[in-house]
Amino acid sequence: MYLQTSCEDYASRVQPATGKPVRDGRTIRAERTRQALVDALVGLLEEGELRPTAERIAERAGVSQRSVFQHFPDREVFFEAVAREQYEQIVREVRPVDASRPLVERIDAFTAERARILERIAPVRRAAVLIEHESEVVAGWLTSARAGAASEVERVFRRELESLERGERTVILAALVSASSFTAWESYRVHQGLGIERSRAAVRATLAALLGQR
């Protein structure tokens, strides 16, 4: 009902002659408030508050607690907005690895980039994993993120993977994906207490061994 109402409201504000929406002051204020709430939740998650309350979100955004439920009565819509916000931020920061470079250079570049991104997304990802089982939106975004990470591994190391027989290729690819995943990074950083550089070195060592390099 929330999304339907939003769409109908948008349609009612489109000028037939130009097709451009009319944005009055009330609409602009509502957009700013919604963005402030999204930014507030992202900020709290990045600071380590994995389950911030509506009161904390409203306080950070500088609005009333009622505004949280007024603008996001459905928490899945809120999760969707937050997930999209971080996705758009990360996409702008990603530096794809040149797959034409020599293998050793690719391993170094891929490991450095993957470590940088995993460290960047860690706080929000931890919060997402906590509620993955109870939110279709969060589960969907995490599934897409994992698939994208796996595809990047396959792209960067395609030459080496294609040189293997199909059965071995499947196993090595799975091992490469696992070794460079957020789960592995979390193990190094949190469970084993390693710093960023040692965690990065551990990922690199595993990838190099799997790909026959040192």
Protein backbone atom coordinates (compact mmCIF):
# COMPACT_ATOMS: atom_id res chain seq x y z
CA MET A 1 0.00 0.00 0.00
CA TYR A 2 2.87 2.37 0.83
CA LEU A 3 4.58 1.91 -2.52
CA GLN A 4 1.28 2.12 -4.41
CA THR A 5 0.40 5.37 -2.67
CA SER A 6 3.85 6.78 -3.41
CA CYS A 7 3.54 5.94 -7.10
CA GLU A 8 0.06 7.45 -7.33
CA ASP A 9 1.27 10.59 -5.60
CA TYR A 10 4.15 10.89 -8.04
CA ALA A 11 1.90 10.38 -11.03
CA SER A 12 -0.45 13.11 -9.83
CA ARG A 13 2.44 15.57 -9.78
CA VAL A 14 3.63 15.05 -13.37
CA GLN A 15 2.87 17.81 -15.84
CA PRO A 16 1.18 16.34 -18.96
CA ALA A 17 2.89 18.83 -21.30
CA THR A 18 6.50 18.28 -20.22
CA GLY A 19 6.43 14.99 -18.33
CA LYS A 20 8.47 16.64 -15.56
CA PRO A 21 7.37 16.34 -11.91
CA VAL A 22 6.36 19.42 -9.99
CA ARG A 23 8.39 19.51 -6.77
CA ASP A 24 6.86 21.83 -4.24
CA GLY A 25 8.35 22.77 -0.89
CA ARG A 26 6.55 19.99 0.95
CA THR A 27 7.89 17.36 -1.44
CA ILE A 28 11.43 18.68 -1.15
CA ARG A 29 11.26 18.67 2.66
CA ALA A 30 9.95 15.11 2.66
CA GLU A 31 12.79 14.00 0.38
CA ARG A 32 15.34 15.68 2.63
CA THR A 33 13.89 14.04 5.71
CA ARG A 34 13.92 10.59 4.10
CA GLN A 35 17.52 11.09 3.02
CA ALA A 36 18.46 12.31 6.49
CA LEU A 37 16.95 9.15 8.00
CA VAL A 38 18.80 6.91 5.55
CA ASP A 39 22.07 8.73 6.21
CA ALA A 40 21.46 8.48 9.95
CA LEU A 41 20.94 4.73 9.88
CA VAL A 42 23.98 4.18 7.66
CA GLY A 43 26.07 6.38 9.95
CA LEU A 44 25.00 4.50 13.08
CA LEU A 45 25.73 1.14 11.45
CA GLU A 46 29.16 2.33 10.35
CA GLU A 47 29.87 3.36 13.93
CA GLY A 48 29.10 -0.15 15.15
CA GLU A 49 25.48 0.16 16.30
CA LEU A 50 24.20 -2.96 14.58
CA ARG A 51 20.59 -2.65 15.78
CA PRO A 52 19.87 1.06 16.28
CA THR A 53 16.42 1.96 17.54
CA ALA A 54 14.00 4.33 15.84
CA GLU A 55 14.74 6.79 18.64
CA ARG A 56 18.49 6.71 17.88
CA ILE A 57 17.91 7.05 14.14
CA ALA A 58 15.60 10.03 14.64
CA GLU A 59 18.02 11.65 17.05
CA ARG A 60 20.90 11.32 14.58
CA ALA A 61 18.76 12.63 11.72
CA GLY A 62 17.57 15.59 13.78
CA VAL A 63 13.88 14.75 13.38
CA SER A 64 11.12 13.41 15.58
CA GLN A 65 10.80 9.69 16.21
CA ARG A 66 7.39 9.86 14.58
CA SER A 67 9.08 10.88 11.31
CA VAL A 68 10.80 7.50 11.09
CA PHE A 69 7.47 5.67 10.93
CA GLN A 70 5.83 8.39 8.89
CA HIS A 71 8.39 8.18 6.08
CA PHE A 72 9.21 4.47 6.43
CA PRO A 73 6.14 2.68 7.86
CA ASP A 74 7.42 -0.52 6.23
CA ARG A 75 10.87 -1.47 7.49
CA GLU A 76 11.61 -3.36 4.27
CA VAL A 77 11.29 -0.09 2.37
CA PHE A 78 13.75 1.46 4.84
CA PHE A 79 16.17 -1.45 4.39
CA GLU A 80 15.88 -1.12 0.63
CA ALA A 81 16.74 2.58 0.79
CA VAL A 82 19.74 1.96 3.03
CA ALA A 83 21.01 -0.94 0.91
CA ARG A 84 20.73 1.15 -2.24
CA GLU A 85 22.50 4.06 -0.57
CA GLN A 86 25.51 1.95 0.37
CA TYR A 87 25.53 0.18 -2.99
CA GLU A 88 25.70 3.50 -4.82
CA GLN A 89 28.50 4.70 -2.53
CA ILE A 90 30.57 1.56 -3.01
CA VAL A 91 30.09 1.45 -6.78
CA ARG A 92 31.64 4.91 -6.99
CA GLU A 93 34.64 3.75 -4.96
CA VAL A 94 35.39 0.46 -6.72
CA ARG A 95 38.53 0.32 -8.87
CA PRO A 96 38.27 -2.74 -11.16
CA VAL A 97 41.44 -4.79 -11.61
CA ASP A 98 42.91 -4.93 -15.11
CA ALA A 99 42.52 -8.59 -16.09
CA SER A 100 45.22 -8.29 -18.79
CA ARG A 101 48.03 -7.78 -16.29
CA PRO A 102 50.45 -10.60 -15.30
CA LEU A 103 49.10 -13.02 -12.71
CA VAL A 104 51.28 -11.86 -9.81
CA GLU A 105 50.25 -8.25 -10.42
CA ARG A 106 46.60 -9.26 -10.62
CA ILE A 107 46.81 -11.16 -7.35
CA ASP A 108 48.36 -8.14 -5.63
CA ALA A 109 45.91 -5.65 -7.13
CA PHE A 110 42.86 -7.84 -6.54
CA THR A 111 43.82 -8.55 -2.93
CA ALA A 112 44.46 -4.89 -2.17
CA GLU A 113 41.17 -3.80 -3.74
CA ARG A 114 39.13 -6.58 -2.13
CA ALA A 115 40.64 -5.85 1.29
CA ARG A 116 39.88 -2.14 0.91
CA ILE A 117 36.24 -2.74 -0.06
CA LEU A 118 35.63 -5.43 2.56
CA GLU A 119 36.98 -3.18 5.29
CA ARG A 120 34.83 -0.35 3.99
CA ILE A 121 31.57 -2.31 4.02
CA ALA A 122 32.25 -4.35 7.18
CA PRO A 123 30.06 -2.44 9.69
CA VAL A 124 26.95 -2.38 7.48
CA ARG A 125 27.54 -5.94 6.29
CA ARG A 126 27.67 -7.20 9.89
CA ALA A 127 24.31 -5.59 10.58
CA ALA A 128 22.87 -7.01 7.36
CA VAL A 129 23.98 -10.55 8.18
CA LEU A 130 22.22 -10.31 11.55
CA ILE A 131 18.83 -9.74 9.93
CA GLU A 132 19.34 -11.63 6.66
CA HIS A 133 17.15 -14.50 7.84
CA GLU A 134 14.20 -12.21 8.60
CA SER A 135 14.32 -9.69 5.74
CA GLU A 136 13.70 -10.58 2.11
CA VAL A 137 15.14 -7.25 1.02
CA VAL A 138 18.39 -7.68 2.94
CA ALA A 139 18.70 -11.32 1.88
CA GLY A 140 18.23 -10.27 -1.74
CA TRP A 141 20.88 -7.57 -1.60
CA LEU A 142 23.37 -9.90 0.11
CA THR A 143 22.75 -12.60 -2.49
CA SER A 144 23.41 -10.08 -5.26
CA ALA A 145 26.54 -8.78 -3.52
CA ARG A 146 27.95 -12.28 -3.09
CA ALA A 147 27.20 -13.15 -6.71
CA GLY A 148 28.90 -9.95 -7.85
CA ALA A 149 31.98 -10.67 -5.76
CA ALA A 150 32.18 -14.19 -7.18
CA SER A 151 31.83 -12.89 -10.73
CA GLU A 152 34.70 -10.47 -10.17
CA VAL A 153 36.95 -13.30 -8.99
CA GLU A 154 36.09 -15.28 -12.11
CA ARG A 155 36.71 -12.26 -14.35
CA VAL A 156 40.10 -11.35 -12.89
CA PHE A 157 41.44 -14.92 -12.93
CA ARG A 158 39.62 -16.25 -15.99
CA ARG A 159 42.80 -17.18 -17.88
CA GLU A 160 44.06 -19.40 -15.08
CA LEU A 161 40.65 -20.96 -14.48
CA GLU A 162 40.10 -21.74 -18.16
CA SER A 163 43.37 -23.64 -18.25
CA LEU A 164 41.97 -26.16 -15.76
CA GLU A 165 39.74 -29.13 -16.40
CA ARG A 166 36.08 -28.46 -15.64
CA GLY A 167 35.95 -30.35 -12.36
CA GLU A 168 39.11 -28.78 -10.99
CA ARG A 169 38.06 -25.36 -12.27
CA THR A 170 34.85 -25.52 -10.23
CA VAL A 171 36.73 -26.43 -7.07
CA ILE A 172 39.44 -23.78 -7.47
CA LEU A 173 36.93 -21.07 -8.29
CA ALA A 174 34.89 -21.96 -5.22
CA ALA A 175 38.03 -21.81 -3.08
CA LEU A 176 39.08 -18.44 -4.54
CA VAL A 177 35.62 -16.98 -3.92
CA SER A 178 35.58 -18.27 -0.35
CA ALA A 179 39.12 -17.07 0.39
CA SER A 180 38.30 -13.53 -0.72
CA SER A 181 34.81 -13.33 0.80
CA PHE A 182 33.53 -11.13 3.60
CA THR A 183 33.23 -14.23 5.78
CA ALA A 184 36.96 -14.90 5.43
CA TRP A 185 37.79 -11.24 6.02
CA GLU A 186 35.64 -11.19 9.15
CA SER A 187 37.45 -14.27 10.42
CA TYR A 188 40.84 -12.60 10.04
CA ARG A 189 39.83 -9.19 11.36
CA VAL A 190 37.46 -10.14 14.19
CA HIS A 191 37.83 -13.79 15.14
CA GLN A 192 41.62 -13.93 14.79
CA GLY A 193 42.23 -10.31 15.68
CA LEU A 194 44.55 -9.52 12.77
CA GLY A 195 45.17 -6.01 11.53
CA ILE A 196 44.26 -4.90 8.03
CA GLU A 197 47.70 -5.54 6.51
CA ARG A 198 48.07 -9.01 7.97
CA SER A 199 44.54 -9.90 6.95
CA ARG A 200 45.29 -8.71 3.43
CA ALA A 201 48.50 -10.75 3.42
CA ALA A 202 46.58 -13.83 4.53
CA VAL A 203 44.08 -13.43 1.69
CA ARG A 204 46.90 -12.90 -0.80
CA ALA A 205 48.79 -15.97 0.39
CA THR A 206 45.71 -18.14 -0.03
CA LEU A 207 44.91 -16.84 -3.51
CA ALA A 208 48.52 -17.20 -4.61
CA ALA A 209 48.71 -20.79 -3.37
CA LEU A 210 45.45 -21.70 -5.14
CA LEU A 211 46.70 -20.14 -8.37
CA GLY A 212 50.17 -21.73 -8.18
CA GLN A 213 52.06 -18.53 -7.33
CA ARG A 214 54.08 -17.30 -4.38
